[in-house]
Protein backbone atom coordinates (compact mmCIF):
# COMPACT_ATOMS: atom_id res chain seq x y z
CA MET A 1 -62.42 -33.71 147.99
CA ARG A 2 -60.39 -32.40 144.90
CA PRO A 3 -56.77 -33.06 144.74
CA ASP A 4 -54.45 -30.03 145.06
CA THR A 5 -52.98 -29.20 141.58
CA GLY A 6 -50.42 -26.82 143.03
CA ARG A 7 -52.01 -23.72 141.48
CA ARG A 8 -54.16 -21.38 143.37
CA PRO A 9 -56.78 -19.11 141.78
CA GLY A 10 -55.22 -16.02 143.22
CA THR A 11 -51.92 -16.82 141.75
CA VAL A 12 -53.36 -17.32 138.26
CA LEU A 13 -55.20 -14.06 138.38
CA MET A 14 -52.10 -12.22 139.50
CA ALA A 15 -50.05 -13.68 136.68
CA THR A 16 -52.72 -12.75 134.19
CA ALA A 17 -52.82 -9.19 135.51
CA LEU A 18 -49.07 -8.85 135.35
CA ALA A 19 -49.04 -10.10 131.78
CA GLY A 20 -51.67 -7.53 130.83
CA LEU A 21 -49.69 -4.75 132.43
CA ALA A 22 -46.61 -5.83 130.57
CA LEU A 23 -48.44 -5.75 127.25
CA ALA A 24 -49.90 -2.33 128.03
CA ALA A 25 -46.51 -0.98 128.98
CA ALA A 26 -45.02 -2.38 125.83
CA ALA A 27 -47.76 -0.80 123.74
CA ALA A 28 -47.24 2.53 125.46
CA CYS A 29 -43.53 2.38 124.88
CA GLY A 30 -44.10 1.55 121.22
CA GLN A 31 -46.23 4.66 120.70
CA ALA A 32 -43.76 6.95 122.44
CA THR A 33 -40.80 5.71 120.41
CA PRO A 34 -40.54 7.63 117.09
CA THR A 35 -40.38 5.56 113.99
CA ALA A 36 -37.25 5.43 111.92
CA ALA A 37 -39.05 7.02 108.96
CA THR A 38 -38.86 10.76 108.88
CA GLY A 39 -41.62 12.92 107.55
CA PRO A 40 -41.47 16.27 105.84
CA GLY A 41 -39.68 18.89 107.86
CA THR A 42 -38.03 16.34 110.03
CA PRO A 43 -34.34 17.08 110.27
CA THR A 44 -32.24 14.28 108.97
CA GLY A 45 -29.22 15.28 110.92
CA PRO A 46 -26.29 17.39 109.72
CA ALA A 47 -25.94 17.32 105.98
CA THR A 48 -22.92 15.56 104.69
CA PRO A 49 -20.61 18.26 103.33
CA ALA A 50 -20.07 18.02 99.62
CA ALA A 51 -16.64 16.99 98.51
CA GLU A 52 -14.46 20.03 98.48
CA THR A 53 -13.20 21.02 95.07
CA THR A 54 -9.46 21.11 95.03
CA SER A 55 -8.40 24.65 94.37
CA ALA A 56 -5.96 24.95 91.52
CA GLY A 57 -4.46 28.02 93.09
CA PRO A 58 -3.15 30.95 91.10
CA ALA A 59 -1.97 30.15 87.59
CA PRO A 60 1.81 29.74 87.48
CA THR A 61 3.65 32.58 85.87
CA VAL A 62 5.25 31.42 82.64
CA THR A 63 8.59 33.02 82.03
CA PRO A 64 9.26 33.33 78.29
CA THR A 65 12.37 31.55 77.15
CA PRO A 66 14.73 34.07 75.60
CA THR A 67 15.53 33.31 72.00
CA ALA A 68 18.85 33.82 70.31
CA ALA A 69 17.39 36.73 68.42
CA ALA A 70 16.36 38.48 71.64
CA GLY A 71 19.87 38.41 73.02
CA ALA A 72 21.58 39.26 69.78
CA THR A 73 22.91 42.73 69.40
CA THR A 74 21.49 44.43 66.35
CA VAL A 75 24.25 45.92 64.29
CA PRO A 76 23.05 48.82 62.18
CA ALA A 77 23.74 48.42 58.50
CA ALA A 78 26.48 50.60 57.16
CA PRO A 79 25.04 53.47 55.16
CA ALA A 80 25.45 53.12 51.45
CA ARG A 81 28.22 55.29 50.10
CA THR A 82 27.02 58.08 47.85
CA LEU A 83 29.36 58.75 44.95
CA ASP A 84 30.44 62.24 44.13
CA PRO A 85 28.14 63.46 41.33
CA ARG A 86 31.24 64.41 39.35
CA ILE A 87 32.29 60.76 39.06
CA ALA A 88 29.03 58.83 39.50
CA ASP A 89 28.08 58.68 35.82
CA ALA A 90 31.59 57.75 34.71
CA CYS A 91 31.81 55.02 37.34
CA ASP A 92 28.46 53.57 36.32
CA ALA A 93 29.54 53.50 32.68
CA VAL A 94 32.96 51.94 33.21
CA THR A 95 31.53 49.35 35.62
CA ALA A 96 28.87 48.38 33.08
CA ALA A 97 31.50 48.04 30.32
CA ARG A 98 33.61 45.83 32.52
CA ARG A 99 30.65 43.63 33.57
CA THR A 100 29.60 43.12 29.95
CA ALA A 101 33.14 42.10 29.01
CA VAL A 102 33.42 39.64 31.89
CA ASP A 103 30.15 37.95 30.89
CA ALA A 104 31.28 37.69 27.26
CA LEU A 105 34.73 36.35 28.17
CA ALA A 106 33.43 33.47 30.30
CA PRO A 107 32.42 31.11 27.45
CA VAL A 108 35.59 31.89 25.46
CA ALA A 109 37.77 31.14 28.48
CA ALA A 110 35.90 27.86 28.97
CA VAL A 111 36.67 26.82 25.39
CA LEU A 112 40.34 27.75 25.69
CA GLY A 113 40.57 25.71 28.88
CA ARG A 114 39.95 22.50 26.94
CA SER A 115 42.61 20.46 25.20
CA GLY A 116 42.67 19.23 21.62
CA LEU A 117 41.13 22.32 20.04
CA SER A 118 41.07 22.40 16.27
CA ARG A 119 42.34 25.27 14.15
CA ASP A 120 38.76 26.35 13.60
CA ASP A 121 38.12 26.39 17.34
CA LEU A 122 41.17 28.56 17.93
CA ALA A 123 40.26 30.87 15.07
CA LYS A 124 36.78 31.38 16.50
CA ALA A 125 38.20 32.00 19.97
CA THR A 126 40.55 34.62 18.52
CA THR A 127 37.68 36.39 16.78
CA ASP A 128 35.49 36.28 19.88
CA LEU A 129 38.24 37.70 22.11
CA ASN A 130 38.94 40.50 19.67
CA ALA A 131 35.25 41.43 19.60
CA VAL A 132 34.98 41.41 23.39
CA TYR A 133 37.99 43.64 23.98
CA THR A 134 37.04 46.02 21.18
CA ALA A 135 33.58 46.57 22.68
CA MET A 136 35.15 46.97 26.10
CA HIS A 137 37.60 49.55 24.79
CA VAL A 138 34.74 51.63 23.39
CA GLY A 139 32.78 51.46 26.65
CA VAL A 140 35.76 52.44 28.80
CA ALA A 141 36.65 55.35 26.50
CA GLU A 142 33.09 56.67 26.63
CA SER A 143 33.02 56.50 30.43
CA ALA A 144 36.06 58.79 30.63
CA GLU A 145 34.08 61.50 28.83
CA LEU A 146 31.46 61.51 31.60
CA THR A 147 33.66 62.95 34.33
CA ALA A 148 35.66 66.12 34.90
CA ASP A 149 37.57 64.58 37.80
CA ALA A 150 41.22 64.52 36.70
CA LYS A 151 42.23 61.63 38.94
CA LEU A 152 39.43 59.38 37.77
CA LYS A 153 40.08 60.35 34.17
CA ALA A 154 43.71 59.27 34.51
CA LYS A 155 42.75 55.92 36.02
CA ILE A 156 40.18 55.25 33.31
CA ALA A 157 42.75 56.21 30.66
CA ALA A 158 45.19 53.64 32.08
CA TYR A 159 42.41 51.04 32.00
CA GLN A 160 41.66 51.93 28.41
CA LEU A 161 45.34 51.52 27.49
CA ALA A 162 45.44 48.07 29.09
CA VAL A 163 42.43 47.03 27.01
CA GLU A 164 44.18 48.29 23.85
CA GLN A 165 47.21 46.18 24.72
CA ALA A 166 44.94 43.15 25.11
CA ILE A 167 43.55 43.74 21.63
CA VAL A 168 47.06 43.94 20.19
CA ALA A 169 48.03 40.72 21.99
CA VAL A 170 45.01 38.87 20.60
CA GLU A 171 45.79 39.97 17.07
CA GLY A 172 49.42 38.88 17.44
CA SER A 173 48.65 35.49 18.99
CA ASP A 174 48.50 33.70 15.62
CA GLY A 175 45.72 31.60 17.08
CA GLU A 176 47.98 29.97 19.64
CA GLN A 177 45.96 28.68 22.57
CA ALA A 178 48.52 29.58 25.25
CA LYS A 179 48.84 33.17 24.02
CA LEU A 180 45.07 33.65 23.96
CA GLN A 181 44.80 32.34 27.50
CA ALA A 182 47.57 34.72 28.59
CA VAL A 183 45.59 37.69 27.26
CA ILE A 184 42.58 36.79 29.38
CA GLU A 185 44.79 36.47 32.47
CA SER A 186 46.81 39.64 31.75
CA PRO A 187 48.17 41.07 35.06
CA ALA A 188 48.37 44.58 33.58
CA LEU A 189 44.68 44.53 32.63
CA ARG A 190 43.66 43.21 36.04
CA THR A 191 45.68 45.86 37.86
CA ALA A 192 44.22 48.72 35.83
CA GLU A 193 40.74 47.32 36.37
CA LYS A 194 41.14 47.12 40.15
CA THR A 195 42.43 50.69 40.28
CA VAL A 196 39.33 52.03 38.55
CA LEU A 197 36.92 49.92 40.59
CA SER A 198 38.56 51.06 43.83
CA ALA A 199 38.14 54.69 42.81
CA CYS A 200 34.45 54.06 42.15
CA ALA A 201 33.78 52.01 45.30
């Protein structure tokens, strides 16, 4: 008689059958479960929204900075004064004579402003002054003939007389530096000159 091993044939068969069923069930479950891989057409879930582009919004309005010129008040230029045709030519002539004399007197006045001048220097200055005032006298006299305006004629005549007096003073200076300087700075000549220039302004 065999000894009892503790296992019965029925029990072994039942265990084997249960194991087979478990494997079959596992296989069936494996076929029913979809794989992780997705084929064509298989939805992959909601698409991840692309990063939203930050809107810059409407462009800021740039306010122009006012410049000084924009706020400045434009002042219209004063219209140029038109001389009376009766005096225009005379005024042009006397003004030109005066301007020429002023330009010619400048270097002579510069020489007389120095100290230690020799007799030759003073003699030359005397000659130069005489030439300047003589030419000026001629120019002023000619300008008076270009107008019929009595008032302007009288003013130009007074100017002409002042120039004549300057010529006389130069000739009577005896080459003295102080006397020659005094002729150039003659108040009478300056006054007559301003009177004519004011009439022609």
